[in-house]
Amino acid sequence: MENLVWSCISCNRGKYDIMIQDPYENILNVDSGNITKVFYRDEDFSIKVCDTYQEDKFIQNFYKKLRLGYETRRLDCFGLRLRGRYLREKDEEKKNQLGNALNILIRKRNMMKMTSEIAT
């Protein structure tokens, strides 16, 4: 679940020309968990580059191409966590509140996306 993000077509296509070669195939490997040594989520759900890779040009380019610093990435992560909590909730009143909050978040996230597409 931590590895998933909702992604629009333009964000997904941002990675089309990134060729990951050694040693980055190993460094950015999701299955081994190595990527968590390169990127992390802070307390506000933002994706950040770990200190060790701050000066690494390939990592910085990867971060930029995948738009990992975009505000919508924060909302995507929060939305997935909120959805998970919604799906696990047994109390109907709390489930309705979580569902309403999730719907508001999705609408706001979609408005942010539409606004950013118009600007670009």
PDB file of N, CA and C in Angstrom:
ATOM      1  N   MET A   1       0.818  -1.190   0.000  1.00  0.00           N
ATOM      2  CA  MET A   1       0.000   0.000   0.000  1.00  0.00           C
ATOM      3  C   MET A   1       0.867   1.260   0.000  1.00  0.00           C
ATOM      4  N   GLU A   2       1.994   1.218   0.685  1.00  0.00           N
ATOM      5  CA  GLU A   2       2.867   2.389   0.761  1.00  0.00           C
ATOM      6  C   GLU A   2       3.501   2.719  -0.584  1.00  0.00           C
ATOM      7  N   ASN A   3       3.570   1.739  -1.475  1.00  0.00           N
ATOM      8  CA  ASN A   3       4.224   1.928  -2.760  1.00  0.00           C
ATOM      9  C   ASN A   3       3.263   2.453  -3.826  1.00  0.00           C
ATOM     10  N   LEU A   4       1.976   2.470  -3.544  1.00  0.00           N
ATOM     11  CA  LEU A   4       0.988   2.852  -4.545  1.00  0.00           C
ATOM     12  C   LEU A   4       0.676   4.338  -4.491  1.00  0.00           C
ATOM     13  N   VAL A   5       0.494   4.920  -5.639  1.00  0.00           N
ATOM     14  CA  VAL A   5       0.000   6.291  -5.735  1.00  0.00           C
ATOM     15  C   VAL A   5      -0.983   6.356  -6.881  1.00  0.00           C
ATOM     16  N   TRP A   6      -2.016   7.164  -6.719  1.00  0.00           N
ATOM     17  CA  TRP A   6      -2.899   7.433  -7.839  1.00  0.00           C
ATOM     18  C   TRP A   6      -2.090   8.296  -8.785  1.00  0.00           C
ATOM     19  N   SER A   7      -2.228   8.068 -10.034  1.00  0.00           N
ATOM     20  CA  SER A   7      -1.415   8.810 -10.978  1.00  0.00           C
ATOM     21  C   SER A   7      -2.215   9.154 -12.219  1.00  0.00           C
ATOM     22  N   CYS A   8      -2.172  10.428 -12.582  1.00  0.00           N
ATOM     23  CA  CYS A   8      -2.817  10.848 -13.818  1.00  0.00           C
ATOM     24  C   CYS A   8      -1.919  10.457 -14.989  1.00  0.00           C
ATOM     25  N   ILE A   9      -2.426  10.597 -16.177  1.00  0.00           N
ATOM     26  CA  ILE A   9      -1.669  10.220 -17.371  1.00  0.00           C
ATOM     27  C   ILE A   9      -0.373  11.022 -17.482  1.00  0.00           C
ATOM     28  N   SER A  10      -0.435  12.345 -17.262  1.00  0.00           N
ATOM     29  CA  SER A  10       0.777  13.154 -17.440  1.00  0.00           C
ATOM     30  C   SER A  10       1.846  12.817 -16.405  1.00  0.00           C
ATOM     31  N   CYS A  11       1.440  12.549 -15.165  1.00  0.00           N
ATOM     32  CA  CYS A  11       2.432  12.161 -14.147  1.00  0.00           C
ATOM     33  C   CYS A  11       3.027  10.800 -14.470  1.00  0.00           C
ATOM     34  N   ASN A  12       2.194   9.876 -14.896  1.00  0.00           N
ATOM     35  CA  ASN A  12       2.679   8.543 -15.224  1.00  0.00           C
ATOM     36  C   ASN A  12       3.638   8.585 -16.414  1.00  0.00           C
ATOM     37  N   ARG A  13       3.344   9.426 -17.389  1.00  0.00           N
ATOM     38  CA  ARG A  13       4.204   9.529 -18.562  1.00  0.00           C
ATOM     39  C   ARG A  13       5.486  10.301 -18.296  1.00  0.00           C
ATOM     40  N   GLY A  14       5.562  10.997 -17.171  1.00  0.00           N
ATOM     41  CA  GLY A  14       6.757  11.760 -16.840  1.00  0.00           C
ATOM     42  C   GLY A  14       8.000  10.904 -16.714  1.00  0.00           C
ATOM     43  N   LYS A  15       7.804   9.616 -16.514  1.00  0.00           N
ATOM     44  CA  LYS A  15       8.949   8.717 -16.325  1.00  0.00           C
ATOM     45  C   LYS A  15       9.365   7.990 -17.595  1.00  0.00           C
ATOM     46  N   TYR A  16       8.717   8.284 -18.714  1.00  0.00           N
ATOM     47  CA  TYR A  16       8.919   7.500 -19.935  1.00  0.00           C
ATOM     48  C   TYR A  16      10.373   7.440 -20.403  1.00  0.00           C
ATOM     49  N   ASP A  17      11.161   8.484 -20.190  1.00  0.00           N
ATOM     50  CA  ASP A  17      12.525   8.478 -20.724  1.00  0.00           C
ATOM     51  C   ASP A  17      13.601   8.284 -19.656  1.00  0.00           C
ATOM     52  N   ILE A  18      13.219   7.809 -18.512  1.00  0.00           N
ATOM     53  CA  ILE A  18      14.199   7.539 -17.461  1.00  0.00           C
ATOM     54  C   ILE A  18      14.720   6.116 -17.635  1.00  0.00           C
ATOM     55  N   MET A  19      15.994   6.021 -17.871  1.00  0.00           N
ATOM     56  CA  MET A  19      16.648   4.719 -17.982  1.00  0.00           C
ATOM     57  C   MET A  19      17.411   4.474 -16.684  1.00  0.00           C
ATOM     58  N   ILE A  20      16.968   3.498 -15.939  1.00  0.00           N
ATOM     59  CA  ILE A  20      17.606   3.195 -14.657  1.00  0.00           C
ATOM     60  C   ILE A  20      18.636   2.096 -14.880  1.00  0.00           C
ATOM     61  N   GLN A  21      19.906   2.448 -14.633  1.00  0.00           N
ATOM     62  CA  GLN A  21      21.000   1.504 -14.805  1.00  0.00           C
ATOM     63  C   GLN A  21      21.740   1.364 -13.488  1.00  0.00           C
ATOM     64  N   ASP A  22      22.629   0.377 -13.442  1.00  0.00           N
ATOM     65  CA  ASP A  22      23.440   0.187 -12.237  1.00  0.00           C
ATOM     66  C   ASP A  22      24.176   1.456 -11.886  1.00  0.00           C
ATOM     67  N   PRO A  23      24.331   1.774 -10.656  1.00  0.00           N
ATOM     68  CA  PRO A  23      23.881   1.072  -9.459  1.00  0.00           C
ATOM     69  C   PRO A  23      22.441   1.413  -9.067  1.00  0.00           C
ATOM     70  N   TYR A  24      21.780   2.260  -9.842  1.00  0.00           N
ATOM     71  CA  TYR A  24      20.453   2.748  -9.453  1.00  0.00           C
ATOM     72  C   TYR A  24      19.365   1.690  -9.526  1.00  0.00           C
ATOM     73  N   GLU A  25      19.554   0.633 -10.350  1.00  0.00           N
ATOM     74  CA  GLU A  25      18.575  -0.458 -10.366  1.00  0.00           C
ATOM     75  C   GLU A  25      18.439  -1.056  -8.975  1.00  0.00           C
ATOM     76  N   ASN A  26      19.553  -1.192  -8.298  1.00  0.00           N
ATOM     77  CA  ASN A  26      19.539  -1.733  -6.943  1.00  0.00           C
ATOM     78  C   ASN A  26      19.108  -0.673  -5.927  1.00  0.00           C
ATOM     79  N   ILE A  27      19.617   0.526  -6.074  1.00  0.00           N
ATOM     80  CA  ILE A  27      19.314   1.607  -5.125  1.00  0.00           C
ATOM     81  C   ILE A  27      17.823   1.937  -5.119  1.00  0.00           C
ATOM     82  N   LEU A  28      17.181   1.937  -6.280  1.00  0.00           N
ATOM     83  CA  LEU A  28      15.769   2.307  -6.386  1.00  0.00           C
ATOM     84  C   LEU A  28      14.836   1.100  -6.402  1.00  0.00           C
ATOM     85  N   ASN A  29      15.337  -0.053  -6.031  1.00  0.00           N
ATOM     86  CA  ASN A  29      14.533  -1.267  -6.049  1.00  0.00           C
ATOM     87  C   ASN A  29      13.451  -1.214  -4.980  1.00  0.00           C
ATOM     88  N   VAL A  30      12.214  -1.283  -5.433  1.00  0.00           N
ATOM     89  CA  VAL A  30      11.066  -1.237  -4.524  1.00  0.00           C
ATOM     90  C   VAL A  30      10.926  -2.559  -3.783  1.00  0.00           C
ATOM     91  N   ASP A  31      11.087  -3.673  -4.493  1.00  0.00           N
ATOM     92  CA  ASP A  31      10.872  -4.987  -3.886  1.00  0.00           C
ATOM     93  C   ASP A  31      11.820  -5.270  -2.733  1.00  0.00           C
ATOM     94  N   SER A  32      13.047  -4.812  -2.834  1.00  0.00           N
ATOM     95  CA  SER A  32      14.027  -5.047  -1.766  1.00  0.00           C
ATOM     96  C   SER A  32      13.876  -4.038  -0.625  1.00  0.00           C
ATOM     97  N   GLY A  33      13.122  -2.976  -0.878  1.00  0.00           N
ATOM     98  CA  GLY A  33      12.971  -1.929   0.128  1.00  0.00           C
ATOM     99  C   GLY A  33      14.069  -0.882   0.073  1.00  0.00           C
ATOM    100  N   ASN A  34      15.013  -1.033  -0.854  1.00  0.00           N
ATOM    101  CA  ASN A  34      16.130  -0.089  -0.936  1.00  0.00           C
ATOM    102  C   ASN A  34      15.675   1.338  -1.212  1.00  0.00           C
ATOM    103  N   ILE A  35      14.580   1.485  -1.926  1.00  0.00           N
ATOM    104  CA  ILE A  35      14.112   2.828  -2.282  1.00  0.00           C
ATOM    105  C   ILE A  35      13.779   3.657  -1.038  1.00  0.00           C
ATOM    106  N   THR A  36      13.467   2.990   0.064  1.00  0.00           N
ATOM    107  CA  THR A  36      13.163   3.718   1.305  1.00  0.00           C
ATOM    108  C   THR A  36      14.408   4.345   1.919  1.00  0.00           C
ATOM    109  N   LYS A  37      15.579   3.978   1.408  1.00  0.00           N
ATOM    110  CA  LYS A  37      16.822   4.625   1.846  1.00  0.00           C
ATOM    111  C   LYS A  37      17.106   5.874   1.016  1.00  0.00           C
ATOM    112  N   VAL A  38      16.321   6.057  -0.057  1.00  0.00           N
ATOM    113  CA  VAL A  38      16.494   7.195  -0.954  1.00  0.00           C
ATOM    114  C   VAL A  38      15.395   8.233  -0.732  1.00  0.00           C
ATOM    115  N   PHE A  39      14.165   7.766  -0.590  1.00  0.00           N
ATOM    116  CA  PHE A  39      13.009   8.651  -0.404  1.00  0.00           C
ATOM    117  C   PHE A  39      12.265   8.254   0.861  1.00  0.00           C
ATOM    118  N   TYR A  40      11.640   9.227   1.474  1.00  0.00           N
ATOM    119  CA  TYR A  40      10.812   8.954   2.651  1.00  0.00           C
ATOM    120  C   TYR A  40       9.647   9.926   2.661  1.00  0.00           C
ATOM    121  N   ARG A  41       8.637   9.606   3.423  1.00  0.00           N
ATOM    122  CA  ARG A  41       7.503  10.508   3.616  1.00  0.00           C
ATOM    123  C   ARG A  41       7.675  11.183   4.974  1.00  0.00           C
ATOM    124  N   ASP A  42       7.515  12.508   4.978  1.00  0.00           N
ATOM    125  CA  ASP A  42       7.608  13.213   6.248  1.00  0.00           C
ATOM    126  C   ASP A  42       6.250  13.185   6.951  1.00  0.00           C
ATOM    127  N   GLU A  43       6.151  13.868   8.070  1.00  0.00           N
ATOM    128  CA  GLU A  43       4.921  13.837   8.870  1.00  0.00           C
ATOM    129  C   GLU A  43       3.724  14.457   8.147  1.00  0.00           C
ATOM    130  N   ASP A  44       3.974  15.241   7.106  1.00  0.00           N
ATOM    131  CA  ASP A  44       2.892  15.844   6.319  1.00  0.00           C
ATOM    132  C   ASP A  44       2.618  15.066   5.032  1.00  0.00           C
ATOM    133  N   PHE A  45       3.137  13.841   4.938  1.00  0.00           N
ATOM    134  CA  PHE A  45       2.945  12.947   3.790  1.00  0.00           C
ATOM    135  C   PHE A  45       3.707  13.379   2.540  1.00  0.00           C
ATOM    136  N   SER A  46       4.579  14.361   2.646  1.00  0.00           N
ATOM    137  CA  SER A  46       5.386  14.779   1.491  1.00  0.00           C
ATOM    138  C   SER A  46       6.499  13.770   1.256  1.00  0.00           C
ATOM    139  N   ILE A  47       6.834  13.547  -0.015  1.00  0.00           N
ATOM    140  CA  ILE A  47       7.950  12.667  -0.357  1.00  0.00           C
ATOM    141  C   ILE A  47       9.210  13.527  -0.402  1.00  0.00           C
ATOM    142  N   LYS A  48      10.231  13.110   0.333  1.00  0.00           N
ATOM    143  CA  LYS A  48      11.489  13.843   0.419  1.00  0.00           C
ATOM    144  C   LYS A  48      12.649  12.937   0.021  1.00  0.00           C
ATOM    145  N   VAL A  49      13.741  13.557  -0.416  1.00  0.00           N
ATOM    146  CA  VAL A  49      14.969  12.833  -0.721  1.00  0.00           C
ATOM    147  C   VAL A  49      15.796  12.773   0.559  1.00  0.00           C
ATOM    148  N   CYS A  50      16.275  11.576   0.901  1.00  0.00           N
ATOM    149  CA  CYS A  50      17.116  11.413   2.089  1.00  0.00           C
ATOM    150  C   CYS A  50      18.407  12.215   1.934  1.00  0.00           C
ATOM    151  N   ASP A  51      18.971  12.621   3.044  1.00  0.00           N
ATOM    152  CA  ASP A  51      20.182  13.455   3.048  1.00  0.00           C
ATOM    153  C   ASP A  51      21.312  12.863   2.204  1.00  0.00           C
ATOM    154  N   THR A  52      21.483  11.559   2.253  1.00  0.00           N
ATOM    155  CA  THR A  52      22.561  10.896   1.533  1.00  0.00           C
ATOM    156  C   THR A  52      22.522  11.172   0.029  1.00  0.00           C
ATOM    157  N   TYR A  53      21.319  11.398  -0.521  1.00  0.00           N
ATOM    158  CA  TYR A  53      21.158  11.552  -1.966  1.00  0.00           C
ATOM    159  C   TYR A  53      20.814  12.969  -2.405  1.00  0.00           C
ATOM    160  N   GLN A  54      20.958  13.928  -1.509  1.00  0.00           N
ATOM    161  CA  GLN A  54      20.619  15.319  -1.834  1.00  0.00           C
ATOM    162  C   GLN A  54      21.436  15.863  -3.005  1.00  0.00           C
ATOM    163  N   GLU A  55      22.674  15.444  -3.135  1.00  0.00           N
ATOM    164  CA  GLU A  55      23.555  15.961  -4.189  1.00  0.00           C
ATOM    165  C   GLU A  55      23.648  15.041  -5.408  1.00  0.00           C
ATOM    166  N   ASP A  56      22.914  13.951  -5.395  1.00  0.00           N
ATOM    167  CA  ASP A  56      22.961  12.978  -6.482  1.00  0.00           C
ATOM    168  C   ASP A  56      22.084  13.467  -7.638  1.00  0.00           C
ATOM    169  N   LYS A  57      22.706  13.778  -8.763  1.00  0.00           N
ATOM    170  CA  LYS A  57      21.970  14.358  -9.903  1.00  0.00           C
ATOM    171  C   LYS A  57      20.950  13.386 -10.489  1.00  0.00           C
ATOM    172  N   PHE A  58      21.291  12.100 -10.563  1.00  0.00           N
ATOM    173  CA  PHE A  58      20.337  11.133 -11.104  1.00  0.00           C
ATOM    174  C   PHE A  58      19.103  11.052 -10.206  1.00  0.00           C
ATOM    175  N   ILE A  59      19.304  10.965  -8.907  1.00  0.00           N
ATOM    176  CA  ILE A  59      18.186  10.873  -7.959  1.00  0.00           C
ATOM    177  C   ILE A  59      17.335  12.137  -8.026  1.00  0.00           C
ATOM    178  N   GLN A  60      17.980  13.289  -8.090  1.00  0.00           N
ATOM    179  CA  GLN A  60      17.229  14.547  -8.178  1.00  0.00           C
ATOM    180  C   GLN A  60      16.410  14.605  -9.470  1.00  0.00           C
ATOM    181  N   ASN A  61      16.974  14.142 -10.576  1.00  0.00           N
ATOM    182  CA  ASN A  61      16.252  14.111 -11.847  1.00  0.00           C
ATOM    183  C   ASN A  61      15.077  13.125 -11.780  1.00  0.00           C
ATOM    184  N   PHE A  62      15.314  11.969 -11.186  1.00  0.00           N
ATOM    185  CA  PHE A  62      14.274  10.956 -10.999  1.00  0.00           C
ATOM    186  C   PHE A  62      13.117  11.548 -10.187  1.00  0.00           C
ATOM    187  N   TYR A  63      13.445  12.217  -9.096  1.00  0.00           N
ATOM    188  CA  TYR A  63      12.460  12.863  -8.222  1.00  0.00           C
ATOM    189  C   TYR A  63      11.636  13.893  -9.002  1.00  0.00           C
ATOM    190  N   LYS A  64      12.331  14.679  -9.805  1.00  0.00           N
ATOM    191  CA  LYS A  64      11.660  15.723 -10.585  1.00  0.00           C
ATOM    192  C   LYS A  64      10.790  15.122 -11.693  1.00  0.00           C
ATOM    193  N   LYS A  65      11.333  14.159 -12.434  1.00  0.00           N
ATOM    194  CA  LYS A  65      10.588  13.551 -13.550  1.00  0.00           C
ATOM    195  C   LYS A  65       9.319  12.848 -13.070  1.00  0.00           C
ATOM    196  N   LEU A  66       9.407  12.193 -11.923  1.00  0.00           N
ATOM    197  CA  LEU A  66       8.239  11.493 -11.391  1.00  0.00           C
ATOM    198  C   LEU A  66       7.329  12.420 -10.582  1.00  0.00           C
ATOM    199  N   ARG A  67       7.735  13.678 -10.501  1.00  0.00           N
ATOM    200  CA  ARG A  67       6.936  14.703  -9.814  1.00  0.00           C
ATOM    201  C   ARG A  67       6.628  14.309  -8.365  1.00  0.00           C
ATOM    202  N   LEU A  68       7.622  13.746  -7.719  1.00  0.00           N
ATOM    203  CA  LEU A  68       7.424  13.261  -6.359  1.00  0.00           C
ATOM    204  C   LEU A  68       7.224  14.384  -5.351  1.00  0.00           C
ATOM    205  N   GLY A  69       7.639  15.584  -5.698  1.00  0.00           N
ATOM    206  CA  GLY A  69       7.468  16.719  -4.795  1.00  0.00           C
ATOM    207  C   GLY A  69       6.136  17.438  -4.954  1.00  0.00           C
ATOM    208  N   TYR A  70       5.315  17.009  -5.889  1.00  0.00           N
ATOM    209  CA  TYR A  70       4.043  17.690  -6.136  1.00  0.00           C
ATOM    210  C   TYR A  70       3.095  17.531  -4.948  1.00  0.00           C
ATOM    211  N   GLU A  71       2.340  18.563  -4.703  1.00  0.00           N
ATOM    212  CA  GLU A  71       1.358  18.579  -3.620  1.00  0.00           C
ATOM    213  C   GLU A  71       0.347  17.444  -3.763  1.00  0.00           C
ATOM    214  N   THR A  72      -0.003  17.122  -4.994  1.00  0.00           N
ATOM    215  CA  THR A  72      -0.982  16.056  -5.199  1.00  0.00           C
ATOM    216  C   THR A  72      -0.461  14.711  -4.694  1.00  0.00           C
ATOM    217  N   ARG A  73       0.850  14.516  -4.662  1.00  0.00           N
ATOM    218  CA  ARG A  73       1.403  13.271  -4.124  1.00  0.00           C
ATOM    219  C   ARG A  73       1.079  13.127  -2.640  1.00  0.00           C
ATOM    220  N   ARG A  74       1.111  14.248  -1.928  1.00  0.00           N
ATOM    221  CA  ARG A  74       0.746  14.224  -0.508  1.00  0.00           C
ATOM    222  C   ARG A  74      -0.708  13.794  -0.352  1.00  0.00           C
ATOM    223  N   LEU A  75      -1.570  14.390  -1.148  1.00  0.00           N
ATOM    224  CA  LEU A  75      -2.986  14.077  -1.051  1.00  0.00           C
ATOM    225  C   LEU A  75      -3.280  12.645  -1.473  1.00  0.00           C
ATOM    226  N   ASP A  76      -2.536  12.153  -2.459  1.00  0.00           N
ATOM    227  CA  ASP A  76      -2.719  10.772  -2.892  1.00  0.00           C
ATOM    228  C   ASP A  76      -2.423   9.797  -1.750  1.00  0.00           C
ATOM    229  N   CYS A  77      -1.326  10.018  -1.064  1.00  0.00           N
ATOM    230  CA  CYS A  77      -0.939   9.149   0.049  1.00  0.00           C
ATOM    231  C   CYS A  77      -1.968   9.236   1.163  1.00  0.00           C
ATOM    232  N   PHE A  78      -2.340  10.453   1.517  1.00  0.00           N
ATOM    233  CA  PHE A  78      -3.334  10.639   2.573  1.00  0.00           C
ATOM    234  C   PHE A  78      -4.650   9.985   2.173  1.00  0.00           C
ATOM    235  N   GLY A  79      -5.047  10.146   0.913  1.00  0.00           N
ATOM    236  CA  GLY A  79      -6.285   9.548   0.423  1.00  0.00           C
ATOM    237  C   GLY A  79      -6.258   8.031   0.501  1.00  0.00           C
ATOM    238  N   LEU A  80      -5.139   7.417   0.141  1.00  0.00           N
ATOM    239  CA  LEU A  80      -5.035   5.960   0.230  1.00  0.00           C
ATOM    240  C   LEU A  80      -5.126   5.488   1.678  1.00  0.00           C
ATOM    241  N   ARG A  81      -4.503   6.216   2.573  1.00  0.00           N
ATOM    242  CA  ARG A  81      -4.579   5.844   3.994  1.00  0.00           C
ATOM    243  C   ARG A  81      -5.996   6.026   4.527  1.00  0.00           C
ATOM    244  N   LEU A  82      -6.627   7.110   4.137  1.00  0.00           N
ATOM    245  CA  LEU A  82      -7.994   7.369   4.570  1.00  0.00           C
ATOM    246  C   LEU A  82      -8.938   6.297   4.013  1.00  0.00           C
ATOM    247  N   ARG A  83      -8.731   5.927   2.756  1.00  0.00           N
ATOM    248  CA  ARG A  83      -9.555   4.881   2.143  1.00  0.00           C
ATOM    249  C   ARG A  83      -9.371   3.548   2.871  1.00  0.00           C
ATOM    250  N   GLY A  84      -8.146   3.228   3.223  1.00  0.00           N
ATOM    251  CA  GLY A  84      -7.876   2.002   3.973  1.00  0.00           C
ATOM    252  C   GLY A  84      -8.596   1.987   5.305  1.00  0.00           C
ATOM    253  N   ARG A  85      -8.562   3.115   5.982  1.00  0.00           N
ATOM    254  CA  ARG A  85      -9.262   3.216   7.268  1.00  0.00           C
ATOM    255  C   ARG A  85     -10.775   3.094   7.070  1.00  0.00           C
ATOM    256  N   TYR A  86     -11.272   3.727   6.012  1.00  0.00           N
ATOM    257  CA  TYR A  86     -12.693   3.644   5.673  1.00  0.00           C
ATOM    258  C   TYR A  86     -13.093   2.177   5.447  1.00  0.00           C
ATOM    259  N   LEU A  87     -12.304   1.439   4.697  1.00  0.00           N
ATOM    260  CA  LEU A  87     -12.634   0.044   4.393  1.00  0.00           C
ATOM    261  C   LEU A  87     -12.604  -0.850   5.628  1.00  0.00           C
ATOM    262  N   ARG A  88     -11.759  -0.517   6.603  1.00  0.00           N
ATOM    263  CA  ARG A  88     -11.647  -1.320   7.826  1.00  0.00           C
ATOM    264  C   ARG A  88     -12.681  -0.956   8.883  1.00  0.00           C
ATOM    265  N   GLU A  89     -13.270   0.228   8.772  1.00  0.00           N
ATOM    266  CA  GLU A  89     -14.181   0.721   9.814  1.00  0.00           C
ATOM    267  C   GLU A  89     -15.447  -0.122   9.885  1.00  0.00           C
ATOM    268  N   LYS A  90     -15.826  -0.513  11.084  1.00  0.00           N
ATOM    269  CA  LYS A  90     -17.032  -1.319  11.307  1.00  0.00           C
ATOM    270  C   LYS A  90     -18.223  -0.472  11.744  1.00  0.00           C
ATOM    271  N   ASP A  91     -17.949   0.591  12.483  1.00  0.00           N
ATOM    272  CA  ASP A  91     -19.017   1.469  12.970  1.00  0.00           C
ATOM    273  C   ASP A  91     -19.576   2.282  11.798  1.00  0.00           C
ATOM    274  N   GLU A  92     -20.860   2.141  11.514  1.00  0.00           N
ATOM    275  CA  GLU A  92     -21.470   2.783  10.342  1.00  0.00           C
ATOM    276  C   GLU A  92     -21.390   4.308  10.383  1.00  0.00           C
ATOM    277  N   GLU A  93     -21.578   4.911  11.556  1.00  0.00           N
ATOM    278  CA  GLU A  93     -21.514   6.371  11.657  1.00  0.00           C
ATOM    279  C   GLU A  93     -20.099   6.874  11.337  1.00  0.00           C
ATOM    280  N   LYS A  94     -19.095   6.222  11.913  1.00  0.00           N
ATOM    281  CA  LYS A  94     -17.705   6.605  11.626  1.00  0.00           C
ATOM    282  C   LYS A  94     -17.369   6.337  10.159  1.00  0.00           C
ATOM    283  N   LYS A  95     -17.873   5.233   9.628  1.00  0.00           N
ATOM    284  CA  LYS A  95     -17.615   4.895   8.234  1.00  0.00           C
ATOM    285  C   LYS A  95     -18.201   5.973   7.321  1.00  0.00           C
ATOM    286  N   ASN A  96     -19.403   6.452   7.617  1.00  0.00           N
ATOM    287  CA  ASN A  96     -20.013   7.529   6.822  1.00  0.00           C
ATOM    288  C   ASN A  96     -19.190   8.811   6.903  1.00  0.00           C
ATOM    289  N   GLN A  97     -18.697   9.140   8.102  1.00  0.00           N
ATOM    290  CA  GLN A  97     -17.864  10.335   8.266  1.00  0.00           C
ATOM    291  C   GLN A  97     -16.571  10.204   7.461  1.00  0.00           C
ATOM    292  N   LEU A  98     -15.951   9.041   7.530  1.00  0.00           N
ATOM    293  CA  LEU A  98     -14.723   8.813   6.766  1.00  0.00           C
ATOM    294  C   LEU A  98     -14.999   8.868   5.265  1.00  0.00           C
ATOM    295  N   GLY A  99     -16.118   8.300   4.841  1.00  0.00           N
ATOM    296  CA  GLY A  99     -16.493   8.336   3.427  1.00  0.00           C
ATOM    297  C   GLY A  99     -16.713   9.755   2.943  1.00  0.00           C
ATOM    298  N   ASN A 100     -17.381  10.562   3.754  1.00  0.00           N
ATOM    299  CA  ASN A 100     -17.593  11.972   3.399  1.00  0.00           C
ATOM    300  C   ASN A 100     -16.262  12.716   3.300  1.00  0.00           C
ATOM    301  N   ALA A 101     -15.382  12.479   4.260  1.00  0.00           N
ATOM    302  CA  ALA A 101     -14.072  13.138   4.245  1.00  0.00           C
ATOM    303  C   ALA A 101     -13.273  12.699   3.012  1.00  0.00           C
ATOM    304  N   LEU A 102     -13.337  11.429   2.677  1.00  0.00           N
ATOM    305  CA  LEU A 102     -12.628  10.918   1.511  1.00  0.00           C
ATOM    306  C   LEU A 102     -13.177  11.541   0.225  1.00  0.00           C
ATOM    307  N   ASN A 103     -14.469  11.667   0.115  1.00  0.00           N
ATOM    308  CA  ASN A 103     -15.074  12.303  -1.064  1.00  0.00           C
ATOM    309  C   ASN A 103     -14.644  13.756  -1.205  1.00  0.00           C
ATOM    310  N   ILE A 104     -14.599  14.480  -0.098  1.00  0.00           N
ATOM    311  CA  ILE A 104     -14.150  15.883  -0.124  1.00  0.00           C
ATOM    312  C   ILE A 104     -12.691  15.945  -0.566  1.00  0.00           C
ATOM    313  N   LEU A 105     -11.857  15.070  -0.008  1.00  0.00           N
ATOM    314  CA  LEU A 105     -10.439  15.037  -0.361  1.00  0.00           C
ATOM    315  C   LEU A 105     -10.251  14.748  -1.848  1.00  0.00           C
ATOM    316  N   ILE A 106     -10.974  13.783  -2.370  1.00  0.00           N
ATOM    317  CA  ILE A 106     -10.848  13.429  -3.787  1.00  0.00           C
ATOM    318  C   ILE A 106     -11.282  14.590  -4.673  1.00  0.00           C
ATOM    319  N   ARG A 107     -12.372  15.251  -4.322  1.00  0.00           N
ATOM    320  CA  ARG A 107     -12.821  16.411  -5.116  1.00  0.00           C
ATOM    321  C   ARG A 107     -11.772  17.517  -5.097  1.00  0.00           C
ATOM    322  N   LYS A 108     -11.241  17.819  -3.920  1.00  0.00           N
ATOM    323  CA  LYS A 108     -10.221  18.870  -3.816  1.00  0.00           C
ATOM    324  C   LYS A 108      -8.958  18.483  -4.576  1.00  0.00           C
ATOM    325  N   ARG A 109      -8.560  17.236  -4.492  1.00  0.00           N
ATOM    326  CA  ARG A 109      -7.379  16.764  -5.201  1.00  0.00           C
ATOM    327  C   ARG A 109      -7.593  16.896  -6.709  1.00  0.00           C
ATOM    328  N   ASN A 110      -8.769  16.509  -7.173  1.00  0.00           N
ATOM    329  CA  ASN A 110      -9.068  16.613  -8.599  1.00  0.00           C
ATOM    330  C   ASN A 110      -9.103  18.062  -9.056  1.00  0.00           C
ATOM    331  N   MET A 111      -9.577  18.954  -8.223  1.00  0.00           N
ATOM    332  CA  MET A 111      -9.572  20.387  -8.562  1.00  0.00           C
ATOM    333  C   MET A 111      -8.137  20.902  -8.660  1.00  0.00           C
ATOM    334  N   MET A 112      -7.277  20.459  -7.760  1.00  0.00           N
ATOM    335  CA  MET A 112      -5.863  20.861  -7.824  1.00  0.00           C
ATOM    336  C   MET A 112      -5.248  20.368  -9.114  1.00  0.00           C
ATOM    337  N   LYS A 113      -5.559  19.147  -9.507  1.00  0.00           N
ATOM    338  CA  LYS A 113      -5.002  18.570 -10.723  1.00  0.00           C
ATOM    339  C   LYS A 113      -5.476  19.346 -11.943  1.00  0.00           C
ATOM    340  N   MET A 114      -6.769  19.667 -11.988  1.00  0.00           N
ATOM    341  CA  MET A 114      -7.314  20.407 -13.126  1.00  0.00           C
ATOM    342  C   MET A 114      -6.676  21.789 -13.205  1.00  0.00           C
ATOM    343  N   THR A 115      -6.494  22.442 -12.077  1.00  0.00           N
ATOM    344  CA  THR A 115      -5.875  23.766 -12.028  1.00  0.00           C
ATOM    345  C   THR A 115      -4.436  23.718 -12.533  1.00  0.00           C
ATOM    346  N   SER A 116      -3.696  22.683 -12.115  1.00  0.00           N
ATOM    347  CA  SER A 116      -2.291  22.587 -12.545  1.00  0.00           C
ATOM    348  C   SER A 116      -2.199  22.264 -14.042  1.00  0.00           C
ATOM    349  N   GLU A 117      -3.139  21.494 -14.591  1.00  0.00           N
ATOM    350  CA  GLU A 117      -3.123  21.187 -16.022  1.00  0.00           C
ATOM    351  C   GLU A 117      -3.425  22.426 -16.838  1.00  0.00           C
ATOM    352  N   ILE A 118      -4.330  23.264 -16.358  1.00  0.00           N
ATOM    353  CA  ILE A 118      -4.661  24.512 -17.074  1.00  0.00           C
ATOM    354  C   ILE A 118      -3.454  25.435 -17.079  1.00  0.00           C
ATOM    355  N   ALA A 119      -2.700  25.463 -15.972  1.00  0.00           N
ATOM    356  CA  ALA A 119      -1.543  26.351 -15.854  1.00  0.00           C
ATOM    357  C   ALA A 119      -0.377  25.902 -16.732  1.00  0.00           C
ATOM    358  N   THR A 120      -0.298  24.603 -17.044  1.00  0.00           N
ATOM    359  CA  THR A 120       0.851  24.107 -17.827  1.00  0.00           C
ATOM    360  C   THR A 120       0.564  24.009 -19.284  1.00  0.00           C
TER     361      THR A 120
END
